[in-house]
Every structure is written in structure tokens, then in C-alpha cells.
């Protein structure tokens, strides 16, 4: 019996039949779940120590940053620590999505070369992994909030739509950067600097209300700014987020998601040749 041959036809940019594509993607939702779980097992997050480190890592970072704030400002309070912890945990959701998404296509080289499936499943799996990692930290924050004696209110439920917007933004960023990495492999080396810059330009080590009007222009160029500010207002202060911030955050999330998805789908058929 002759060996089957794989023929690569000349690439032409363009979207695949979207209806068929999304049906194929939906039919493989179980695979996405199992693939994400296997990646977590490979990273040893199925062990007790792995799950503990998942919580300890951002918790220790928040303690270090809080110590720096105390040293620089000379004083601080429980609300400041709650803000730092809450926003840092959510930031790690986006950061882990970027870190996992950037290599999702290149790391799945063998799978792409040997199996026909919607390639967008790979960055989606990276975001699923990031969400799974985030959920325990959310429970830890609620414990921290209780220990600090901060009052609970119904306004905290506004954190749910904020979280959904953050997940959509994370998905759009993961899809975009996974495609970019196929063409420019050096983006992997640049990513740590980009995430660190986002950390300092976002209202994490400080609150948005602390900024002067001139510095508030940061929120116009940072998609994480309105998300983290709304997250802190809802989850830490128990306040209703600014509707304008929610709309800006939603605009960023949808914009990055649709542009990144279009770029990904229009180039997907070239991945096998590029890899």
C-alpha cells in the first residue's frame, strides 16, 4: 500500500466558510476541555503542590508589591491591599492567556501537521487553562476580603460582567498573538516586557482615582485600564462601575477579538507551511 501524500496548495488569504467552521469548532468542545486538562496535568497543576503554588505565586507577589507601597507612601490600609490583590489576580488571567496563547500554535506543530481541525481551538484552550488557574485565586480573594473586614454588598455582582469582558479580551489577545507568533517568533521574547509594562501602566499598584488628569490619558491607550478599575470598584469598594468604563472596556474587547479572529482565520491555512 502506498504511503498517503499531503499536498499543500498555494495559499490564498481569505476566510473559510464560517458556518461550517463554527459548527466544526462547537463539535470539538469536549476535545478543548480534555486538551486543556492534559496541559494542566503536564504543568503539574493536578497535584496538591501545583494547585497551592497557583495561589501562592500571585499572593506572594501582591505581598511584595504591598510592602513596596508601604515603603514608598509611608502608610497604607486594608482597602489598598484588597485592591492590589484583586486586580493582580485578574491581571494574571490576562497575562496567563497571553503566555499560553503565544506558543499555542507553534507548540501544536505535530497536531496541526497530522490532524484536520479548527486551529483556533489551540488559543481557546490556552484561555480555558488561564480561566481554570484564575478561579481558585478568586476564592482566595473572597477569603482575604472577609479577613480584612470589608463589607459585602449586591453591587459586587457587577464584577461578573467585568470578568466576562476580561475573558473576551483575553481570548482576543490570545488568538491575535498566537497568529503573530507564527510569522514573528521573536514576539515570545518580547512578551515578558510587554506584560510587565501593562502591569505598571494599569491601576494595580495604584488606584485610578490617584492619578492626575494628565496621567488619566493612560486609560485611552490601555485596554486593561477600564477593566481593572471597574473590577476594583465592584469587588473591593462595592460600588457600581462607571458605565463609560464598561463601554470602553467592551469596545476594546470586541475590537481586539474580531480583528484578531479575522486575522487568524484568514491565515490559518498557511500555518502548516509556516511551521
C-alpha atoms as a PDB file:
ATOM      1  CA  UNK A   1       0.000   0.000   0.000  1.00  0.00           C
ATOM      2  CA  UNK A   2       1.411   3.374  -0.986  1.00  0.00           C
ATOM      3  CA  UNK A   3       2.049   5.991   1.671  1.00  0.00           C
ATOM      4  CA  UNK A   4      -0.576   8.791   1.711  1.00  0.00           C
ATOM      5  CA  UNK A   5       0.742  12.118   0.490  1.00  0.00           C
ATOM      6  CA  UNK A   6      -0.112  15.526   1.949  1.00  0.00           C
ATOM      7  CA  UNK A   7      -0.387  18.153  -0.782  1.00  0.00           C
ATOM      8  CA  UNK A   8      -0.073  21.829   0.160  1.00  0.00           C
ATOM      9  CA  UNK A   9      -1.830  24.019  -2.354  1.00  0.00           C
ATOM     10  CA  UNK A  10      -0.787  27.643  -2.974  1.00  0.00           C
ATOM     11  CA  UNK A  11      -2.004  29.793  -0.120  1.00  0.00           C
ATOM     12  CA  UNK A  12      -4.647  32.441  -0.711  1.00  0.00           C
ATOM     13  CA  UNK A  13      -5.743  34.650   2.153  1.00  0.00           C
ATOM     14  CA  UNK A  14      -9.439  34.624   2.916  1.00  0.00           C
ATOM     15  CA  UNK A  15     -11.983  33.456   5.444  1.00  0.00           C
ATOM     16  CA  UNK A  16     -13.132  29.827   5.455  1.00  0.00           C
ATOM     17  CA  UNK A  17     -16.887  29.023   5.291  1.00  0.00           C
ATOM     18  CA  UNK A  18     -17.733  30.437   8.718  1.00  0.00           C
ATOM     19  CA  UNK A  19     -20.922  28.464   9.364  1.00  0.00           C
ATOM     20  CA  UNK A  20     -19.176  25.148   8.727  1.00  0.00           C
ATOM     21  CA  UNK A  21     -16.130  26.305  10.665  1.00  0.00           C
ATOM     22  CA  UNK A  22     -18.050  27.246  13.820  1.00  0.00           C
ATOM     23  CA  UNK A  23     -20.051  24.001  13.676  1.00  0.00           C
ATOM     24  CA  UNK A  24     -16.806  22.058  13.484  1.00  0.00           C
ATOM     25  CA  UNK A  25     -15.404  24.068  16.388  1.00  0.00           C
ATOM     26  CA  UNK A  26     -18.510  23.516  18.548  1.00  0.00           C
ATOM     27  CA  UNK A  27     -18.482  19.768  17.858  1.00  0.00           C
ATOM     28  CA  UNK A  28     -14.952  19.636  19.306  1.00  0.00           C
ATOM     29  CA  UNK A  29     -15.744  21.416  22.590  1.00  0.00           C
ATOM     30  CA  UNK A  30     -15.077  18.176  24.507  1.00  0.00           C
ATOM     31  CA  UNK A  31     -11.640  17.981  22.925  1.00  0.00           C
ATOM     32  CA  UNK A  32     -10.902  21.565  24.022  1.00  0.00           C
ATOM     33  CA  UNK A  33     -11.810  20.637  27.594  1.00  0.00           C
ATOM     34  CA  UNK A  34      -9.704  17.465  27.612  1.00  0.00           C
ATOM     35  CA  UNK A  35      -6.789  19.149  25.850  1.00  0.00           C
ATOM     36  CA  UNK A  36      -6.805  21.932  28.466  1.00  0.00           C
ATOM     37  CA  UNK A  37      -6.854  19.383  31.286  1.00  0.00           C
ATOM     38  CA  UNK A  38      -3.947  17.477  29.754  1.00  0.00           C
ATOM     39  CA  UNK A  39      -1.934  20.712  29.514  1.00  0.00           C
ATOM     40  CA  UNK A  40      -2.666  21.424  33.177  1.00  0.00           C
ATOM     41  CA  UNK A  41      -1.519  17.924  34.121  1.00  0.00           C
ATOM     42  CA  UNK A  42       1.665  18.472  32.145  1.00  0.00           C
ATOM     43  CA  UNK A  43       2.265  21.626  34.195  1.00  0.00           C
ATOM     44  CA  UNK A  44       1.645  19.554  37.385  1.00  0.00           C
ATOM     45  CA  UNK A  45      -1.446  21.524  38.392  1.00  0.00           C
ATOM     46  CA  UNK A  46      -3.231  18.263  39.126  1.00  0.00           C
ATOM     47  CA  UNK A  47      -1.055  17.845  42.238  1.00  0.00           C
ATOM     48  CA  UNK A  48      -1.717  19.461  45.607  1.00  0.00           C
ATOM     49  CA  UNK A  49       1.547  21.450  45.484  1.00  0.00           C
ATOM     50  CA  UNK A  50       0.818  22.631  41.941  1.00  0.00           C
ATOM     51  CA  UNK A  51      -2.595  23.954  42.972  1.00  0.00           C
ATOM     52  CA  UNK A  52      -1.086  25.539  46.085  1.00  0.00           C
ATOM     53  CA  UNK A  53       1.606  27.307  44.052  1.00  0.00           C
ATOM     54  CA  UNK A  54      -1.087  28.539  41.691  1.00  0.00           C
ATOM     55  CA  UNK A  55      -2.448  30.571  44.607  1.00  0.00           C
ATOM     56  CA  UNK A  56       0.807  31.339  46.411  1.00  0.00           C
ATOM     57  CA  UNK A  57       2.584  32.858  43.404  1.00  0.00           C
ATOM     58  CA  UNK A  58       0.271  35.875  42.862  1.00  0.00           C
ATOM     59  CA  UNK A  59      -0.377  36.088  46.604  1.00  0.00           C
ATOM     60  CA  UNK A  60       3.338  36.442  47.376  1.00  0.00           C
ATOM     61  CA  UNK A  61       3.706  38.981  44.575  1.00  0.00           C
ATOM     62  CA  UNK A  62       0.847  41.035  45.997  1.00  0.00           C
ATOM     63  CA  UNK A  63       2.541  40.954  49.425  1.00  0.00           C
ATOM     64  CA  UNK A  64       5.825  42.169  47.913  1.00  0.00           C
ATOM     65  CA  UNK A  65       4.134  44.961  45.968  1.00  0.00           C
ATOM     66  CA  UNK A  66       2.133  45.963  49.035  1.00  0.00           C
ATOM     67  CA  UNK A  67       5.370  46.200  51.030  1.00  0.00           C
ATOM     68  CA  UNK A  68       6.813  48.474  48.357  1.00  0.00           C
ATOM     69  CA  UNK A  69       3.690  50.665  48.508  1.00  0.00           C
ATOM     70  CA  UNK A  70       4.023  50.949  52.294  1.00  0.00           C
ATOM     71  CA  UNK A  71       7.704  51.899  51.971  1.00  0.00           C
ATOM     72  CA  UNK A  72       7.078  54.467  49.217  1.00  0.00           C
ATOM     73  CA  UNK A  73       3.876  56.005  50.628  1.00  0.00           C
ATOM     74  CA  UNK A  74       4.787  55.614  54.301  1.00  0.00           C
ATOM     75  CA  UNK A  75       1.377  54.152  55.114  1.00  0.00           C
ATOM     76  CA  UNK A  76      -1.434  52.093  53.640  1.00  0.00           C
ATOM     77  CA  UNK A  77      -4.631  50.322  54.644  1.00  0.00           C
ATOM     78  CA  UNK A  78      -6.605  47.118  54.200  1.00  0.00           C
ATOM     79  CA  UNK A  79      -8.578  48.509  51.257  1.00  0.00           C
ATOM     80  CA  UNK A  80      -5.350  49.203  49.386  1.00  0.00           C
ATOM     81  CA  UNK A  81      -4.192  45.623  49.887  1.00  0.00           C
ATOM     82  CA  UNK A  82      -7.568  44.265  48.782  1.00  0.00           C
ATOM     83  CA  UNK A  83      -7.368  46.405  45.630  1.00  0.00           C
ATOM     84  CA  UNK A  84      -3.831  45.226  44.901  1.00  0.00           C
ATOM     85  CA  UNK A  85      -4.722  41.569  45.379  1.00  0.00           C
ATOM     86  CA  UNK A  86      -7.974  41.651  43.383  1.00  0.00           C
ATOM     87  CA  UNK A  87      -6.541  43.498  40.390  1.00  0.00           C
ATOM     88  CA  UNK A  88      -3.327  41.439  40.384  1.00  0.00           C
ATOM     89  CA  UNK A  89      -5.322  38.192  40.286  1.00  0.00           C
ATOM     90  CA  UNK A  90      -7.379  39.436  37.327  1.00  0.00           C
ATOM     91  CA  UNK A  91      -4.254  40.724  35.608  1.00  0.00           C
ATOM     92  CA  UNK A  92      -2.786  37.226  35.838  1.00  0.00           C
ATOM     93  CA  UNK A  93      -5.816  35.887  33.973  1.00  0.00           C
ATOM     94  CA  UNK A  94      -4.939  38.107  31.006  1.00  0.00           C
ATOM     95  CA  UNK A  95      -1.200  37.545  31.414  1.00  0.00           C
ATOM     96  CA  UNK A  96      -1.547  33.747  31.517  1.00  0.00           C
ATOM     97  CA  UNK A  97      -3.789  33.878  28.433  1.00  0.00           C
ATOM     98  CA  UNK A  98      -1.077  35.763  26.562  1.00  0.00           C
ATOM     99  CA  UNK A  99       1.698  33.470  27.796  1.00  0.00           C
ATOM    100  CA  UNK A 100      -0.211  30.326  26.902  1.00  0.00           C
ATOM    101  CA  UNK A 101      -1.605  31.720  23.666  1.00  0.00           C
ATOM    102  CA  UNK A 102       1.668  32.933  22.190  1.00  0.00           C
ATOM    103  CA  UNK A 103       3.029  29.390  21.796  1.00  0.00           C
ATOM    104  CA  UNK A 104      -0.263  27.569  21.327  1.00  0.00           C
ATOM    105  CA  UNK A 105       0.123  27.236  17.539  1.00  0.00           C
ATOM    106  CA  UNK A 106       3.865  26.644  17.347  1.00  0.00           C
ATOM    107  CA  UNK A 107       3.755  24.133  20.218  1.00  0.00           C
ATOM    108  CA  UNK A 108       0.945  22.239  18.467  1.00  0.00           C
ATOM    109  CA  UNK A 109       3.016  21.731  15.317  1.00  0.00           C
ATOM    110  CA  UNK A 110       2.649  17.949  15.175  1.00  0.00           C
ATOM    111  CA  UNK A 111      -1.070  18.129  15.823  1.00  0.00           C
ATOM    112  CA  UNK A 112      -1.524  20.716  13.072  1.00  0.00           C
ATOM    113  CA  UNK A 113       0.535  18.749  10.523  1.00  0.00           C
ATOM    114  CA  UNK A 114      -1.248  15.449  11.165  1.00  0.00           C
ATOM    115  CA  UNK A 115      -4.845  16.352  12.009  1.00  0.00           C
ATOM    116  CA  UNK A 116      -7.539  18.450  10.363  1.00  0.00           C
ATOM    117  CA  UNK A 117      -9.320  20.628  12.917  1.00  0.00           C
ATOM    118  CA  UNK A 118     -10.094  24.330  13.510  1.00  0.00           C
ATOM    119  CA  UNK A 119      -6.723  25.740  14.582  1.00  0.00           C
ATOM    120  CA  UNK A 120      -8.397  28.382  16.708  1.00  0.00           C
ATOM    121  CA  UNK A 121      -9.058  25.604  19.229  1.00  0.00           C
ATOM    122  CA  UNK A 122      -5.449  25.905  20.427  1.00  0.00           C
ATOM    123  CA  UNK A 123      -5.524  29.554  21.635  1.00  0.00           C
ATOM    124  CA  UNK A 124      -9.015  28.927  23.017  1.00  0.00           C
ATOM    125  CA  UNK A 125      -7.576  26.067  25.071  1.00  0.00           C
ATOM    126  CA  UNK A 126      -4.873  28.418  26.372  1.00  0.00           C
ATOM    127  CA  UNK A 127      -7.553  30.822  27.643  1.00  0.00           C
ATOM    128  CA  UNK A 128      -9.531  27.944  29.197  1.00  0.00           C
ATOM    129  CA  UNK A 129      -6.367  26.972  31.091  1.00  0.00           C
ATOM    130  CA  UNK A 130      -5.900  30.580  32.254  1.00  0.00           C
ATOM    131  CA  UNK A 131      -9.516  30.722  33.488  1.00  0.00           C
ATOM    132  CA  UNK A 132      -9.105  27.428  35.378  1.00  0.00           C
ATOM    133  CA  UNK A 133      -5.996  28.867  37.027  1.00  0.00           C
ATOM    134  CA  UNK A 134      -7.860  32.069  37.907  1.00  0.00           C
ATOM    135  CA  UNK A 135     -10.886  30.551  39.651  1.00  0.00           C
ATOM    136  CA  UNK A 136      -9.036  29.372  42.822  1.00  0.00           C
ATOM    137  CA  UNK A 137      -7.479  32.824  43.232  1.00  0.00           C
ATOM    138  CA  UNK A 138     -10.959  34.378  43.169  1.00  0.00           C
ATOM    139  CA  UNK A 139     -11.986  32.161  46.075  1.00  0.00           C
ATOM    140  CA  UNK A 140      -8.798  33.130  47.937  1.00  0.00           C
ATOM    141  CA  UNK A 141      -9.540  36.826  47.402  1.00  0.00           C
ATOM    142  CA  UNK A 142     -13.006  36.475  48.901  1.00  0.00           C
ATOM    143  CA  UNK A 143     -11.404  34.895  51.978  1.00  0.00           C
ATOM    144  CA  UNK A 144      -8.874  37.751  52.163  1.00  0.00           C
ATOM    145  CA  UNK A 145     -11.687  40.271  51.822  1.00  0.00           C
ATOM    146  CA  UNK A 146     -13.567  38.664  54.691  1.00  0.00           C
ATOM    147  CA  UNK A 147     -10.472  38.628  56.916  1.00  0.00           C
ATOM    148  CA  UNK A 148      -9.847  42.307  56.177  1.00  0.00           C
ATOM    149  CA  UNK A 149     -13.369  43.073  57.382  1.00  0.00           C
ATOM    150  CA  UNK A 150     -14.625  44.714  54.193  1.00  0.00           C
ATOM    151  CA  UNK A 151     -18.414  44.781  53.864  1.00  0.00           C
ATOM    152  CA  UNK A 152     -20.190  42.735  51.195  1.00  0.00           C
ATOM    153  CA  UNK A 153     -22.897  44.279  49.023  1.00  0.00           C
ATOM    154  CA  UNK A 154     -25.047  43.478  45.993  1.00  0.00           C
ATOM    155  CA  UNK A 155     -23.021  45.934  43.927  1.00  0.00           C
ATOM    156  CA  UNK A 156     -20.211  43.381  43.974  1.00  0.00           C
ATOM    157  CA  UNK A 157     -22.195  41.360  41.415  1.00  0.00           C
ATOM    158  CA  UNK A 158     -21.075  43.919  38.832  1.00  0.00           C
ATOM    159  CA  UNK A 159     -17.796  42.012  38.924  1.00  0.00           C
ATOM    160  CA  UNK A 160     -19.468  39.245  36.865  1.00  0.00           C
ATOM    161  CA  UNK A 161     -19.895  41.278  33.628  1.00  0.00           C
ATOM    162  CA  UNK A 162     -16.446  42.795  34.191  1.00  0.00           C
ATOM    163  CA  UNK A 163     -14.971  39.296  34.398  1.00  0.00           C
ATOM    164  CA  UNK A 164     -16.764  38.255  31.205  1.00  0.00           C
ATOM    165  CA  UNK A 165     -15.324  41.288  29.409  1.00  0.00           C
ATOM    166  CA  UNK A 166     -11.848  40.413  30.717  1.00  0.00           C
ATOM    167  CA  UNK A 167     -12.249  36.848  29.428  1.00  0.00           C
ATOM    168  CA  UNK A 168     -13.312  38.104  25.992  1.00  0.00           C
ATOM    169  CA  UNK A 169     -10.318  40.440  25.897  1.00  0.00           C
ATOM    170  CA  UNK A 170      -8.031  37.583  26.972  1.00  0.00           C
ATOM    171  CA  UNK A 171      -9.417  35.394  24.201  1.00  0.00           C
ATOM    172  CA  UNK A 172      -8.917  38.092  21.587  1.00  0.00           C
ATOM    173  CA  UNK A 173      -5.345  38.742  22.737  1.00  0.00           C
ATOM    174  CA  UNK A 174      -4.505  35.012  22.803  1.00  0.00           C
ATOM    175  CA  UNK A 175      -5.886  34.462  19.291  1.00  0.00           C
ATOM    176  CA  UNK A 176      -4.058  37.501  17.930  1.00  0.00           C
ATOM    177  CA  UNK A 177      -0.662  36.813  19.490  1.00  0.00           C
ATOM    178  CA  UNK A 178      -0.764  33.092  18.594  1.00  0.00           C
ATOM    179  CA  UNK A 179      -1.116  34.044  14.923  1.00  0.00           C
ATOM    180  CA  UNK A 180       1.529  36.781  15.102  1.00  0.00           C
ATOM    181  CA  UNK A 181       3.989  34.320  16.662  1.00  0.00           C
ATOM    182  CA  UNK A 182       3.745  32.056  13.589  1.00  0.00           C
ATOM    183  CA  UNK A 183       5.272  34.846  11.476  1.00  0.00           C
ATOM    184  CA  UNK A 184       7.449  36.605  14.071  1.00  0.00           C
ATOM    185  CA  UNK A 185       8.883  34.095  16.547  1.00  0.00           C
ATOM    186  CA  UNK A 186      10.740  36.800  18.482  1.00  0.00           C
ATOM    187  CA  UNK A 187       7.428  38.015  19.909  1.00  0.00           C
ATOM    188  CA  UNK A 188       7.871  35.317  22.562  1.00  0.00           C
ATOM    189  CA  UNK A 189      10.991  37.048  23.878  1.00  0.00           C
ATOM    190  CA  UNK A 190       9.277  40.434  23.831  1.00  0.00           C
ATOM    191  CA  UNK A 191       6.141  39.249  25.653  1.00  0.00           C
ATOM    192  CA  UNK A 192       7.527  39.396  29.248  1.00  0.00           C
ATOM    193  CA  UNK A 193       8.442  43.058  28.755  1.00  0.00           C
ATOM    194  CA  UNK A 194       5.027  43.807  27.293  1.00  0.00           C
ATOM    195  CA  UNK A 195       3.169  42.195  30.208  1.00  0.00           C
ATOM    196  CA  UNK A 196       5.401  43.959  32.742  1.00  0.00           C
ATOM    197  CA  UNK A 197       4.723  47.286  31.031  1.00  0.00           C
ATOM    198  CA  UNK A 198       0.978  46.590  31.139  1.00  0.00           C
ATOM    199  CA  UNK A 199       1.312  45.811  34.846  1.00  0.00           C
ATOM    200  CA  UNK A 200       2.830  49.209  35.626  1.00  0.00           C
ATOM    201  CA  UNK A 201       0.512  51.158  33.309  1.00  0.00           C
ATOM    202  CA  UNK A 202      -2.623  49.550  34.762  1.00  0.00           C
ATOM    203  CA  UNK A 203      -4.335  50.550  38.038  1.00  0.00           C
ATOM    204  CA  UNK A 204      -2.881  47.711  40.100  1.00  0.00           C
ATOM    205  CA  UNK A 205      -0.109  49.215  42.245  1.00  0.00           C
ATOM    206  CA  UNK A 206      -2.267  52.324  42.451  1.00  0.00           C
ATOM    207  CA  UNK A 207      -5.941  53.175  42.030  1.00  0.00           C
ATOM    208  CA  UNK A 208      -7.274  55.105  39.066  1.00  0.00           C
ATOM    209  CA  UNK A 209      -8.517  57.851  41.401  1.00  0.00           C
ATOM    210  CA  UNK A 210      -4.900  58.520  42.484  1.00  0.00           C
ATOM    211  CA  UNK A 211      -3.860  59.681  39.011  1.00  0.00           C
ATOM    212  CA  UNK A 212      -3.743  63.293  37.931  1.00  0.00           C
ATOM    213  CA  UNK A 213      -5.931  64.348  34.970  1.00  0.00           C
ATOM    214  CA  UNK A 214      -2.879  64.302  32.670  1.00  0.00           C
ATOM    215  CA  UNK A 215      -1.988  60.736  33.612  1.00  0.00           C
ATOM    216  CA  UNK A 216      -5.608  59.610  33.213  1.00  0.00           C
ATOM    217  CA  UNK A 217      -4.947  59.637  29.458  1.00  0.00           C
ATOM    218  CA  UNK A 218      -3.348  56.228  30.079  1.00  0.00           C
ATOM    219  CA  UNK A 219      -6.805  54.683  30.117  1.00  0.00           C
ATOM    220  CA  UNK A 220      -7.353  55.692  26.498  1.00  0.00           C
ATOM    221  CA  UNK A 221      -4.454  53.513  25.282  1.00  0.00           C
ATOM    222  CA  UNK A 222      -4.567  50.641  27.764  1.00  0.00           C
ATOM    223  CA  UNK A 223      -7.415  48.127  27.260  1.00  0.00           C
ATOM    224  CA  UNK A 224      -6.857  46.770  30.780  1.00  0.00           C
ATOM    225  CA  UNK A 225      -7.294  50.136  32.488  1.00  0.00           C
ATOM    226  CA  UNK A 226     -11.124  50.388  32.453  1.00  0.00           C
ATOM    227  CA  UNK A 227     -11.465  46.652  33.184  1.00  0.00           C
ATOM    228  CA  UNK A 228      -9.254  46.698  36.272  1.00  0.00           C
ATOM    229  CA  UNK A 229     -10.733  49.963  37.548  1.00  0.00           C
ATOM    230  CA  UNK A 230     -14.281  48.578  37.177  1.00  0.00           C
ATOM    231  CA  UNK A 231     -13.200  45.297  38.806  1.00  0.00           C
ATOM    232  CA  UNK A 232     -11.805  47.136  41.829  1.00  0.00           C
ATOM    233  CA  UNK A 233     -14.852  49.385  42.188  1.00  0.00           C
ATOM    234  CA  UNK A 234     -17.208  46.408  42.164  1.00  0.00           C
ATOM    235  CA  UNK A 235     -15.284  43.751  44.049  1.00  0.00           C
ATOM    236  CA  UNK A 236     -13.260  45.853  46.508  1.00  0.00           C
ATOM    237  CA  UNK A 237     -15.278  49.006  47.113  1.00  0.00           C
ATOM    238  CA  UNK A 238     -18.720  47.542  46.479  1.00  0.00           C
ATOM    239  CA  UNK A 239     -19.603  50.338  44.050  1.00  0.00           C
ATOM    240  CA  UNK A 240     -21.281  50.381  40.648  1.00  0.00           C
ATOM    241  CA  UNK A 241     -18.563  50.793  37.970  1.00  0.00           C
ATOM    242  CA  UNK A 242     -18.697  53.757  35.629  1.00  0.00           C
ATOM    243  CA  UNK A 243     -20.872  52.811  32.649  1.00  0.00           C
ATOM    244  CA  UNK A 244     -18.480  54.688  30.374  1.00  0.00           C
ATOM    245  CA  UNK A 245     -15.624  52.476  31.575  1.00  0.00           C
ATOM    246  CA  UNK A 246     -17.652  49.341  30.926  1.00  0.00           C
ATOM    247  CA  UNK A 247     -18.488  50.519  27.405  1.00  0.00           C
ATOM    248  CA  UNK A 248     -14.853  51.399  26.683  1.00  0.00           C
ATOM    249  CA  UNK A 249     -13.726  48.017  28.008  1.00  0.00           C
ATOM    250  CA  UNK A 250     -16.371  46.248  25.940  1.00  0.00           C
ATOM    251  CA  UNK A 251     -15.290  48.170  22.852  1.00  0.00           C
ATOM    252  CA  UNK A 252     -11.654  47.166  23.378  1.00  0.00           C
ATOM    253  CA  UNK A 253     -12.584  43.526  23.980  1.00  0.00           C
ATOM    254  CA  UNK A 254     -14.861  43.191  20.945  1.00  0.00           C
ATOM    255  CA  UNK A 255     -12.466  45.135  18.717  1.00  0.00           C
ATOM    256  CA  UNK A 256      -9.426  43.022  19.586  1.00  0.00           C
ATOM    257  CA  UNK A 257     -11.448  39.804  19.415  1.00  0.00           C
ATOM    258  CA  UNK A 258     -12.962  40.447  15.973  1.00  0.00           C
ATOM    259  CA  UNK A 259      -9.797  41.859  14.407  1.00  0.00           C
ATOM    260  CA  UNK A 260      -7.646  39.087  15.871  1.00  0.00           C
ATOM    261  CA  UNK A 261     -10.111  36.372  14.855  1.00  0.00           C
ATOM    262  CA  UNK A 262     -10.332  37.713  11.299  1.00  0.00           C
ATOM    263  CA  UNK A 263      -6.538  37.809  11.025  1.00  0.00           C
ATOM    264  CA  UNK A 264      -6.264  34.290  12.463  1.00  0.00           C
ATOM    265  CA  UNK A 265      -8.923  32.676  10.263  1.00  0.00           C
ATOM    266  CA  UNK A 266      -7.679  34.363   7.103  1.00  0.00           C
ATOM    267  CA  UNK A 267      -4.162  32.994   7.703  1.00  0.00           C
ATOM    268  CA  UNK A 268      -4.985  29.659   9.296  1.00  0.00           C
ATOM    269  CA  UNK A 269      -4.481  27.565   6.153  1.00  0.00           C
ATOM    270  CA  UNK A 270      -0.891  28.791   5.874  1.00  0.00           C
ATOM    271  CA  UNK A 271       0.146  27.639   9.354  1.00  0.00           C
ATOM    272  CA  UNK A 272       1.186  24.148   8.262  1.00  0.00           C
ATOM    273  CA  UNK A 273       3.627  25.593   5.711  1.00  0.00           C
ATOM    274  CA  UNK A 274       4.976  28.206   8.137  1.00  0.00           C
ATOM    275  CA  UNK A 275       5.568  25.661  10.888  1.00  0.00           C
END
